[in-house]
All heavy atoms as atom14 arrays in JSON, in Angstrom:
{
  "sequence": "MTRWRIGCVESARLPHAGVGRPRWSVDLVRQRAGNPFTLELEAC",
  "atom14_mask": [
    [1, 1, 1, 1, 1, 1, 1, 1, 0, 0, 0, 0, 0, 0],
    [1, 1, 1, 1, 1, 1, 1, 0, 0, 0, 0, 0, 0, 0],
    [1, 1, 1, 1, 1, 1, 1, 1, 1, 1, 1, 0, 0, 0],
    [1, 1, 1, 1, 1, 1, 1, 1, 1, 1, 1, 1, 1, 1],
    [1, 1, 1, 1, 1, 1, 1, 1, 1, 1, 1, 0, 0, 0],
    [1, 1, 1, 1, 1, 1, 1, 1, 0, 0, 0, 0, 0, 0],
    [1, 1, 1, 1, 0, 0, 0, 0, 0, 0, 0, 0, 0, 0],
    [1, 1, 1, 1, 1, 1, 0, 0, 0, 0, 0, 0, 0, 0],
    [1, 1, 1, 1, 1, 1, 1, 0, 0, 0, 0, 0, 0, 0],
    [1, 1, 1, 1, 1, 1, 1, 1, 1, 0, 0, 0, 0, 0],
    [1, 1, 1, 1, 1, 1, 0, 0, 0, 0, 0, 0, 0, 0],
    [1, 1, 1, 1, 1, 0, 0, 0, 0, 0, 0, 0, 0, 0],
    [1, 1, 1, 1, 1, 1, 1, 1, 1, 1, 1, 0, 0, 0],
    [1, 1, 1, 1, 1, 1, 1, 1, 0, 0, 0, 0, 0, 0],
    [1, 1, 1, 1, 1, 1, 1, 0, 0, 0, 0, 0, 0, 0],
    [1, 1, 1, 1, 1, 1, 1, 1, 1, 1, 0, 0, 0, 0],
    [1, 1, 1, 1, 1, 0, 0, 0, 0, 0, 0, 0, 0, 0],
    [1, 1, 1, 1, 0, 0, 0, 0, 0, 0, 0, 0, 0, 0],
    [1, 1, 1, 1, 1, 1, 1, 0, 0, 0, 0, 0, 0, 0],
    [1, 1, 1, 1, 0, 0, 0, 0, 0, 0, 0, 0, 0, 0],
    [1, 1, 1, 1, 1, 1, 1, 1, 1, 1, 1, 0, 0, 0],
    [1, 1, 1, 1, 1, 1, 1, 0, 0, 0, 0, 0, 0, 0],
    [1, 1, 1, 1, 1, 1, 1, 1, 1, 1, 1, 0, 0, 0],
    [1, 1, 1, 1, 1, 1, 1, 1, 1, 1, 1, 1, 1, 1],
    [1, 1, 1, 1, 1, 1, 0, 0, 0, 0, 0, 0, 0, 0],
    [1, 1, 1, 1, 1, 1, 1, 0, 0, 0, 0, 0, 0, 0],
    [1, 1, 1, 1, 1, 1, 1, 1, 0, 0, 0, 0, 0, 0],
    [1, 1, 1, 1, 1, 1, 1, 1, 0, 0, 0, 0, 0, 0],
    [1, 1, 1, 1, 1, 1, 1, 0, 0, 0, 0, 0, 0, 0],
    [1, 1, 1, 1, 1, 1, 1, 1, 1, 1, 1, 0, 0, 0],
    [1, 1, 1, 1, 1, 1, 1, 1, 1, 0, 0, 0, 0, 0],
    [1, 1, 1, 1, 1, 1, 1, 1, 1, 1, 1, 0, 0, 0],
    [1, 1, 1, 1, 1, 0, 0, 0, 0, 0, 0, 0, 0, 0],
    [1, 1, 1, 1, 0, 0, 0, 0, 0, 0, 0, 0, 0, 0],
    [1, 1, 1, 1, 1, 1, 1, 1, 0, 0, 0, 0, 0, 0],
    [1, 1, 1, 1, 1, 1, 1, 0, 0, 0, 0, 0, 0, 0],
    [1, 1, 1, 1, 1, 1, 1, 1, 1, 1, 1, 0, 0, 0],
    [1, 1, 1, 1, 1, 1, 1, 0, 0, 0, 0, 0, 0, 0],
    [1, 1, 1, 1, 1, 1, 1, 1, 0, 0, 0, 0, 0, 0],
    [1, 1, 1, 1, 1, 1, 1, 1, 1, 0, 0, 0, 0, 0],
    [1, 1, 1, 1, 1, 1, 1, 1, 0, 0, 0, 0, 0, 0],
    [1, 1, 1, 1, 1, 1, 1, 1, 1, 0, 0, 0, 0, 0],
    [1, 1, 1, 1, 1, 0, 0, 0, 0, 0, 0, 0, 0, 0],
    [1, 1, 1, 1, 1, 1, 0, 0, 0, 0, 0, 0, 0, 0]
  ],
  "atom14_positions": [
    [[0.82, -1.21, 0.03], [-0.02, 0.01, 0.01], [0.84, 1.24, 0.02], [0.48, 2.25, -0.59], [-0.95, -0.05, 1.23], [-1.83, -1.27, 1.29], [-3.14, -1.11, 2.51], [-4.22, 0.09, 1.77], [0.0, 0.0, 0.0], [0.0, 0.0, 0.0], [0.0, 0.0, 0.0], [0.0, 0.0, 0.0], [0.0, 0.0, 0.0], [0.0, 0.0, 0.0]],
    [[1.98, 1.22, 0.65], [2.98, 2.29, 0.61], [4.35, 1.77, 0.54], [4.66, 0.62, 0.97], [2.9, 3.22, 1.89], [3.26, 2.4, 3.06], [1.53, 3.81, 2.05], [0.0, 0.0, 0.0], [0.0, 0.0, 0.0], [0.0, 0.0, 0.0], [0.0, 0.0, 0.0], [0.0, 0.0, 0.0], [0.0, 0.0, 0.0], [0.0, 0.0, 0.0]],
    [[5.3, 2.45, -0.13], [6.7, 2.05, -0.27], [7.56, 3.23, 0.09], [7.46, 4.34, -0.53], [6.95, 1.58, -1.7], [6.02, 0.53, -2.21], [6.38, 0.02, -3.56], [7.37, -1.1, -3.4], [7.86, -1.7, -4.47], [7.59, -1.35, -5.69], [8.76, -2.62, -4.27], [0.0, 0.0, 0.0], [0.0, 0.0, 0.0], [0.0, 0.0, 0.0]],
    [[8.46, 3.04, 1.1], [9.19, 4.13, 1.69], [10.76, 3.85, 1.44], [11.2, 2.72, 1.63], [8.98, 4.27, 3.17], [7.53, 4.49, 3.49], [6.6, 3.53, 3.71], [6.96, 5.8, 3.82], [5.36, 4.16, 4.02], [5.56, 5.47, 4.13], [7.41, 7.08, 3.88], [4.68, 6.5, 4.45], [6.53, 8.07, 4.22], [5.14, 7.76, 4.53]],
    [[11.47, 4.94, 1.13], [12.99, 4.84, 1.01], [13.53, 5.83, 2.01], [13.21, 7.0, 1.97], [13.38, 5.16, -0.42], [14.86, 4.99, -0.69], [15.18, 4.88, -2.13], [14.51, 6.02, -2.84], [13.99, 5.87, -4.09], [13.93, 4.71, -4.68], [13.49, 6.94, -4.64], [0.0, 0.0, 0.0], [0.0, 0.0, 0.0], [0.0, 0.0, 0.0]],
    [[14.44, 5.36, 2.84], [14.98, 6.18, 3.97], [16.49, 6.29, 3.82], [17.16, 5.3, 3.65], [14.63, 5.5, 5.34], [13.16, 5.12, 5.4], [14.99, 6.46, 6.41], [12.19, 6.28, 5.23], [0.0, 0.0, 0.0], [0.0, 0.0, 0.0], [0.0, 0.0, 0.0], [0.0, 0.0, 0.0], [0.0, 0.0, 0.0], [0.0, 0.0, 0.0]],
    [[16.94, 7.52, 3.98], [18.4, 7.81, 3.95], [18.78, 8.83, 4.95], [18.02, 9.62, 5.41], [0.0, 0.0, 0.0], [0.0, 0.0, 0.0], [0.0, 0.0, 0.0], [0.0, 0.0, 0.0], [0.0, 0.0, 0.0], [0.0, 0.0, 0.0], [0.0, 0.0, 0.0], [0.0, 0.0, 0.0], [0.0, 0.0, 0.0], [0.0, 0.0, 0.0]],
    [[20.07, 8.87, 5.34], [20.57, 9.88, 6.22], [20.91, 11.14, 5.55], [21.41, 11.16, 4.39], [21.81, 9.29, 6.95], [21.57, 7.92, 7.98], [0.0, 0.0, 0.0], [0.0, 0.0, 0.0], [0.0, 0.0, 0.0], [0.0, 0.0, 0.0], [0.0, 0.0, 0.0], [0.0, 0.0, 0.0], [0.0, 0.0, 0.0], [0.0, 0.0, 0.0]],
    [[20.67, 12.24, 6.21], [21.15, 13.54, 5.72], [21.84, 14.28, 6.9], [21.77, 13.8, 8.06], [19.95, 14.44, 5.24], [19.3, 13.86, 4.04], [18.9, 14.62, 6.35], [0.0, 0.0, 0.0], [0.0, 0.0, 0.0], [0.0, 0.0, 0.0], [0.0, 0.0, 0.0], [0.0, 0.0, 0.0], [0.0, 0.0, 0.0], [0.0, 0.0, 0.0]],
    [[22.53, 15.37, 6.6], [23.27, 16.06, 7.66], [22.37, 16.62, 8.75], [21.34, 17.29, 8.39], [24.09, 17.17, 6.97], [25.01, 17.91, 7.95], [25.85, 18.98, 7.24], [25.8, 19.06, 5.97], [26.57, 19.74, 7.95], [0.0, 0.0, 0.0], [0.0, 0.0, 0.0], [0.0, 0.0, 0.0], [0.0, 0.0, 0.0], [0.0, 0.0, 0.0]],
    [[22.78, 16.38, 10.01], [21.91, 16.93, 11.07], [22.22, 18.39, 11.25], [23.15, 18.96, 10.7], [22.31, 16.21, 12.36], [23.68, 16.39, 12.68], [0.0, 0.0, 0.0], [0.0, 0.0, 0.0], [0.0, 0.0, 0.0], [0.0, 0.0, 0.0], [0.0, 0.0, 0.0], [0.0, 0.0, 0.0], [0.0, 0.0, 0.0], [0.0, 0.0, 0.0]],
    [[21.31, 19.07, 11.98], [21.46, 20.52, 12.24], [22.68, 20.84, 13.09], [23.02, 20.09, 14.0], [20.23, 21.08, 12.91], [0.0, 0.0, 0.0], [0.0, 0.0, 0.0], [0.0, 0.0, 0.0], [0.0, 0.0, 0.0], [0.0, 0.0, 0.0], [0.0, 0.0, 0.0], [0.0, 0.0, 0.0], [0.0, 0.0, 0.0], [0.0, 0.0, 0.0]],
    [[23.3, 21.95, 12.78], [24.46, 22.37, 13.58], [24.0, 22.96, 14.92], [22.94, 23.58, 15.01], [25.24, 23.49, 12.83], [25.96, 22.97, 11.59], [26.78, 24.07, 10.91], [27.46, 23.58, 9.7], [28.62, 22.95, 9.76], [29.24, 22.83, 10.92], [29.15, 22.54, 8.67], [0.0, 0.0, 0.0], [0.0, 0.0, 0.0], [0.0, 0.0, 0.0]],
    [[24.7, 22.61, 15.93], [24.41, 23.11, 17.32], [25.19, 24.34, 17.64], [26.29, 24.51, 17.07], [24.68, 22.03, 18.35], [23.86, 20.76, 18.17], [24.27, 19.67, 19.2], [22.32, 20.97, 18.34], [0.0, 0.0, 0.0], [0.0, 0.0, 0.0], [0.0, 0.0, 0.0], [0.0, 0.0, 0.0], [0.0, 0.0, 0.0], [0.0, 0.0, 0.0]],
    [[24.71, 25.21, 18.55], [25.47, 26.34, 18.92], [26.69, 26.05, 19.81], [27.45, 26.92, 20.2], [24.47, 27.16, 19.69], [23.5, 26.22, 20.21], [23.41, 25.16, 19.14], [0.0, 0.0, 0.0], [0.0, 0.0, 0.0], [0.0, 0.0, 0.0], [0.0, 0.0, 0.0], [0.0, 0.0, 0.0], [0.0, 0.0, 0.0], [0.0, 0.0, 0.0]],
    [[26.87, 24.78, 20.07], [27.96, 24.35, 20.92], [28.5, 22.99, 20.37], [27.85, 22.42, 19.45], [27.53, 24.17, 22.37], [26.3, 23.33, 22.53], [26.26, 21.96, 22.46], [24.95, 23.75, 22.73], [24.98, 21.55, 22.59], [24.23, 22.64, 22.81], [0.0, 0.0, 0.0], [0.0, 0.0, 0.0], [0.0, 0.0, 0.0], [0.0, 0.0, 0.0]],
    [[29.59, 22.6, 20.86], [30.17, 21.28, 20.33], [29.26, 20.15, 20.65], [28.8, 19.98, 21.8], [31.52, 21.06, 20.94], [0.0, 0.0, 0.0], [0.0, 0.0, 0.0], [0.0, 0.0, 0.0], [0.0, 0.0, 0.0], [0.0, 0.0, 0.0], [0.0, 0.0, 0.0], [0.0, 0.0, 0.0], [0.0, 0.0, 0.0], [0.0, 0.0, 0.0]],
    [[28.97, 19.3, 19.69], [28.13, 18.12, 19.9], [27.42, 17.74, 18.61], [27.59, 18.38, 17.6], [0.0, 0.0, 0.0], [0.0, 0.0, 0.0], [0.0, 0.0, 0.0], [0.0, 0.0, 0.0], [0.0, 0.0, 0.0], [0.0, 0.0, 0.0], [0.0, 0.0, 0.0], [0.0, 0.0, 0.0], [0.0, 0.0, 0.0], [0.0, 0.0, 0.0]],
    [[26.64, 16.71, 18.72], [25.92, 16.18, 17.58], [24.48, 16.44, 17.69], [23.81, 16.12, 18.75], [26.15, 14.61, 17.39], [25.44, 14.07, 16.23], [27.65, 14.34, 17.32], [0.0, 0.0, 0.0], [0.0, 0.0, 0.0], [0.0, 0.0, 0.0], [0.0, 0.0, 0.0], [0.0, 0.0, 0.0], [0.0, 0.0, 0.0], [0.0, 0.0, 0.0]],
    [[23.8, 16.97, 16.72], [22.38, 17.27, 16.81], [21.58, 15.99, 16.53], [22.07, 14.96, 16.23], [0.0, 0.0, 0.0], [0.0, 0.0, 0.0], [0.0, 0.0, 0.0], [0.0, 0.0, 0.0], [0.0, 0.0, 0.0], [0.0, 0.0, 0.0], [0.0, 0.0, 0.0], [0.0, 0.0, 0.0], [0.0, 0.0, 0.0], [0.0, 0.0, 0.0]],
    [[20.26, 16.16, 16.68], [19.38, 15.02, 16.39], [19.49, 14.58, 14.97], [19.51, 15.37, 14.03], [17.91, 15.48, 16.75], [16.91, 14.31, 16.55], [15.51, 14.85, 17.0], [14.43, 13.82, 16.67], [13.18, 13.99, 17.02], [12.82, 15.1, 17.64], [12.28, 13.1, 16.69], [0.0, 0.0, 0.0], [0.0, 0.0, 0.0], [0.0, 0.0, 0.0]],
    [[19.62, 13.29, 14.73], [19.81, 12.77, 13.42], [18.65, 13.17, 12.49], [17.49, 13.32, 12.96], [19.9, 11.26, 13.56], [20.3, 11.13, 14.96], [19.7, 12.24, 15.73], [0.0, 0.0, 0.0], [0.0, 0.0, 0.0], [0.0, 0.0, 0.0], [0.0, 0.0, 0.0], [0.0, 0.0, 0.0], [0.0, 0.0, 0.0], [0.0, 0.0, 0.0]],
    [[18.91, 13.35, 11.19], [17.86, 13.66, 10.26], [17.89, 12.62, 9.13], [18.93, 12.11, 8.71], [18.05, 15.08, 9.68], [17.78, 16.14, 10.67], [17.85, 17.55, 10.01], [17.56, 18.57, 10.97], [17.54, 19.92, 10.69], [17.83, 20.27, 9.4], [17.23, 20.79, 11.62], [0.0, 0.0, 0.0], [0.0, 0.0, 0.0], [0.0, 0.0, 0.0]],
    [[16.67, 12.41, 8.59], [16.54, 11.42, 7.53], [15.86, 12.13, 6.36], [15.01, 12.97, 6.48], [15.7, 10.25, 7.98], [16.3, 9.45, 9.11], [17.61, 9.43, 9.47], [15.55, 8.64, 10.06], [17.75, 8.56, 10.53], [16.49, 8.11, 10.88], [14.22, 8.35, 10.21], [16.11, 7.22, 11.93], [13.83, 7.47, 11.24], [14.79, 6.95, 12.07]],
    [[16.2, 11.61, 5.19], [15.38, 11.87, 3.95], [14.34, 10.77, 3.88], [14.68, 9.57, 3.68], [16.26, 11.87, 2.75], [15.51, 11.95, 1.51], [0.0, 0.0, 0.0], [0.0, 0.0, 0.0], [0.0, 0.0, 0.0], [0.0, 0.0, 0.0], [0.0, 0.0, 0.0], [0.0, 0.0, 0.0], [0.0, 0.0, 0.0], [0.0, 0.0, 0.0]],
    [[13.08, 11.11, 4.01], [11.97, 10.15, 3.94], [11.24, 10.35, 2.61], [10.57, 11.37, 2.36], [11.0, 10.43, 5.16], [9.79, 9.51, 5.03], [11.74, 10.24, 6.5], [0.0, 0.0, 0.0], [0.0, 0.0, 0.0], [0.0, 0.0, 0.0], [0.0, 0.0, 0.0], [0.0, 0.0, 0.0], [0.0, 0.0, 0.0], [0.0, 0.0, 0.0]],
    [[11.39, 9.36, 1.81], [10.91, 9.38, 0.42], [9.74, 8.35, 0.28], [10.01, 7.11, 0.26], [12.07, 9.08, -0.53], [11.65, 9.22, -1.98], [10.55, 9.71, -2.31], [12.44, 8.78, -2.85], [0.0, 0.0, 0.0], [0.0, 0.0, 0.0], [0.0, 0.0, 0.0], [0.0, 0.0, 0.0], [0.0, 0.0, 0.0], [0.0, 0.0, 0.0]],
    [[8.53, 8.84, 0.11], [7.46, 7.88, -0.22], [7.45, 7.66, -1.7], [7.04, 8.53, -2.48], [6.1, 8.52, 0.26], [4.86, 7.6, -0.04], [4.96, 6.25, 0.7], [3.61, 8.3, 0.32], [0.0, 0.0, 0.0], [0.0, 0.0, 0.0], [0.0, 0.0, 0.0], [0.0, 0.0, 0.0], [0.0, 0.0, 0.0], [0.0, 0.0, 0.0]],
    [[7.94, 6.52, -2.1], [8.15, 6.23, -3.56], [6.86, 6.02, -4.19], [6.66, 6.39, -5.37], [9.1, 5.0, -3.64], [9.25, 4.62, -5.12], [10.43, 5.31, -3.01], [0.0, 0.0, 0.0], [0.0, 0.0, 0.0], [0.0, 0.0, 0.0], [0.0, 0.0, 0.0], [0.0, 0.0, 0.0], [0.0, 0.0, 0.0], [0.0, 0.0, 0.0]],
    [[5.93, 5.36, -3.51], [4.65, 4.95, -4.12], [3.64, 4.72, -3.04], [3.97, 4.25, -1.95], [4.8, 3.65, -4.95], [3.51, 3.18, -5.53], [3.7, 1.84, -6.27], [2.44, 1.21, -6.62], [1.73, 0.47, -5.83], [2.09, 0.2, -4.59], [0.58, -0.11, -6.27], [0.0, 0.0, 0.0], [0.0, 0.0, 0.0], [0.0, 0.0, 0.0]],
    [[2.41, 5.15, -3.31], [1.27, 4.81, -2.41], [0.02, 4.56, -3.21], [-0.11, 5.11, -4.34], [1.05, 5.94, -1.41], [0.56, 7.25, -1.98], [0.04, 8.19, -0.9], [-0.66, 7.76, 0.07], [0.31, 9.47, -1.01], [0.0, 0.0, 0.0], [0.0, 0.0, 0.0], [0.0, 0.0, 0.0], [0.0, 0.0, 0.0], [0.0, 0.0, 0.0]],
    [[-0.75, 3.7, -2.73], [-2.01, 3.36, -3.47], [-2.94, 4.54, -3.31], [-3.23, 4.96, -2.25], [-2.59, 2.07, -2.84], [-3.69, 1.43, -3.7], [-4.18, 0.14, -3.04], [-3.12, -0.89, -2.9], [-3.31, -2.01, -2.35], [-4.44, -2.37, -1.87], [-2.33, -2.9, -2.34], [0.0, 0.0, 0.0], [0.0, 0.0, 0.0], [0.0, 0.0, 0.0]],
    [[-3.52, 5.02, -4.44], [-4.49, 6.05, -4.45], [-3.9, 7.4, -3.92], [-4.59, 8.22, -3.39], [-5.72, 5.7, -3.71], [0.0, 0.0, 0.0], [0.0, 0.0, 0.0], [0.0, 0.0, 0.0], [0.0, 0.0, 0.0], [0.0, 0.0, 0.0], [0.0, 0.0, 0.0], [0.0, 0.0, 0.0], [0.0, 0.0, 0.0], [0.0, 0.0, 0.0]],
    [[-2.62, 7.59, -4.18], [-1.98, 8.86, -3.72], [-0.67, 9.14, -4.5], [-0.22, 8.28, -5.26], [0.0, 0.0, 0.0], [0.0, 0.0, 0.0], [0.0, 0.0, 0.0], [0.0, 0.0, 0.0], [0.0, 0.0, 0.0], [0.0, 0.0, 0.0], [0.0, 0.0, 0.0], [0.0, 0.0, 0.0], [0.0, 0.0, 0.0], [0.0, 0.0, 0.0]],
    [[-0.12, 10.3, -4.24], [1.08, 10.72, -4.93], [2.29, 10.51, -4.07], [2.21, 10.59, -2.86], [0.99, 12.22, -5.31], [-0.18, 12.5, -6.31], [-0.38, 11.68, -7.23], [-0.81, 13.57, -6.08], [0.0, 0.0, 0.0], [0.0, 0.0, 0.0], [0.0, 0.0, 0.0], [0.0, 0.0, 0.0], [0.0, 0.0, 0.0], [0.0, 0.0, 0.0]],
    [[3.44, 10.36, -4.69], [4.68, 10.24, -3.96], [5.14, 11.62, -3.41], [4.7, 12.67, -3.88], [5.67, 9.65, -4.97], [5.16, 10.12, -6.3], [3.66, 10.14, -6.13], [0.0, 0.0, 0.0], [0.0, 0.0, 0.0], [0.0, 0.0, 0.0], [0.0, 0.0, 0.0], [0.0, 0.0, 0.0], [0.0, 0.0, 0.0], [0.0, 0.0, 0.0]],
    [[6.04, 11.62, -2.41], [6.62, 12.87, -1.93], [7.91, 12.56, -1.18], [8.17, 11.41, -0.85], [5.6, 13.65, -0.99], [5.21, 12.87, 0.2], [5.93, 12.88, 1.36], [4.0, 12.17, 0.18], [5.58, 12.18, 2.52], [3.57, 11.41, 1.36], [4.4, 11.53, 2.49], [0.0, 0.0, 0.0], [0.0, 0.0, 0.0], [0.0, 0.0, 0.0]],
    [[8.67, 13.63, -0.95], [9.9, 13.51, -0.17], [9.96, 14.65, 0.85], [9.66, 15.75, 0.58], [11.12, 13.63, -1.12], [11.08, 12.61, -2.13], [12.4, 13.5, -0.34], [0.0, 0.0, 0.0], [0.0, 0.0, 0.0], [0.0, 0.0, 0.0], [0.0, 0.0, 0.0], [0.0, 0.0, 0.0], [0.0, 0.0, 0.0], [0.0, 0.0, 0.0]],
    [[10.4, 14.26, 2.06], [10.54, 15.21, 3.15], [11.84, 14.95, 3.91], [12.25, 13.78, 3.97], [9.35, 15.09, 4.21], [7.96, 15.6, 3.76], [6.96, 15.17, 4.77], [7.97, 17.13, 3.53], [0.0, 0.0, 0.0], [0.0, 0.0, 0.0], [0.0, 0.0, 0.0], [0.0, 0.0, 0.0], [0.0, 0.0, 0.0], [0.0, 0.0, 0.0]],
    [[12.44, 16.02, 4.49], [13.51, 15.86, 5.38], [12.96, 15.96, 6.81], [12.32, 16.95, 7.17], [14.54, 16.97, 5.17], [15.78, 16.81, 6.04], [16.81, 17.83, 5.77], [17.17, 17.96, 4.59], [17.27, 18.57, 6.69], [0.0, 0.0, 0.0], [0.0, 0.0, 0.0], [0.0, 0.0, 0.0], [0.0, 0.0, 0.0], [0.0, 0.0, 0.0]],
    [[13.18, 14.97, 7.61], [12.62, 14.85, 8.94], [13.69, 14.53, 10.0], [14.69, 13.96, 9.68], [11.5, 13.79, 9.02], [10.25, 14.0, 8.09], [9.46, 12.75, 8.08], [9.41, 15.21, 8.58], [0.0, 0.0, 0.0], [0.0, 0.0, 0.0], [0.0, 0.0, 0.0], [0.0, 0.0, 0.0], [0.0, 0.0, 0.0], [0.0, 0.0, 0.0]],
    [[13.35, 14.93, 11.24], [14.23, 14.51, 12.3], [13.84, 13.08, 12.71], [12.74, 12.66, 12.67], [14.04, 15.45, 13.5], [14.56, 16.82, 13.24], [14.57, 17.73, 14.47], [13.89, 17.42, 15.39], [15.33, 18.75, 14.45], [0.0, 0.0, 0.0], [0.0, 0.0, 0.0], [0.0, 0.0, 0.0], [0.0, 0.0, 0.0], [0.0, 0.0, 0.0]],
    [[14.9, 12.28, 13.11], [14.77, 10.89, 13.37], [13.83, 10.62, 14.52], [13.45, 11.49, 15.29], [16.12, 10.25, 13.57], [0.0, 0.0, 0.0], [0.0, 0.0, 0.0], [0.0, 0.0, 0.0], [0.0, 0.0, 0.0], [0.0, 0.0, 0.0], [0.0, 0.0, 0.0], [0.0, 0.0, 0.0], [0.0, 0.0, 0.0], [0.0, 0.0, 0.0]],
    [[13.42, 9.32, 14.67], [12.5, 8.94, 15.73], [13.02, 9.31, 17.11], [14.19, 9.08, 17.39], [12.22, 7.45, 15.62], [11.42, 6.86, 14.14], [0.0, 0.0, 0.0], [0.0, 0.0, 0.0], [0.0, 0.0, 0.0], [0.0, 0.0, 0.0], [0.0, 0.0, 0.0], [0.0, 0.0, 0.0], [0.0, 0.0, 0.0], [0.0, 0.0, 0.0]]
  ]
}
């Protein structure tokens, strides 16, 4: 019913030394009765 492709993208820079919340490229490749789309989202 849906097909998703997930990849890593660069996380946001922090105002101090450290690693920000991971970010993913969330690509809905196909869905039944709907259109595909791509979003950049923060990880779970």
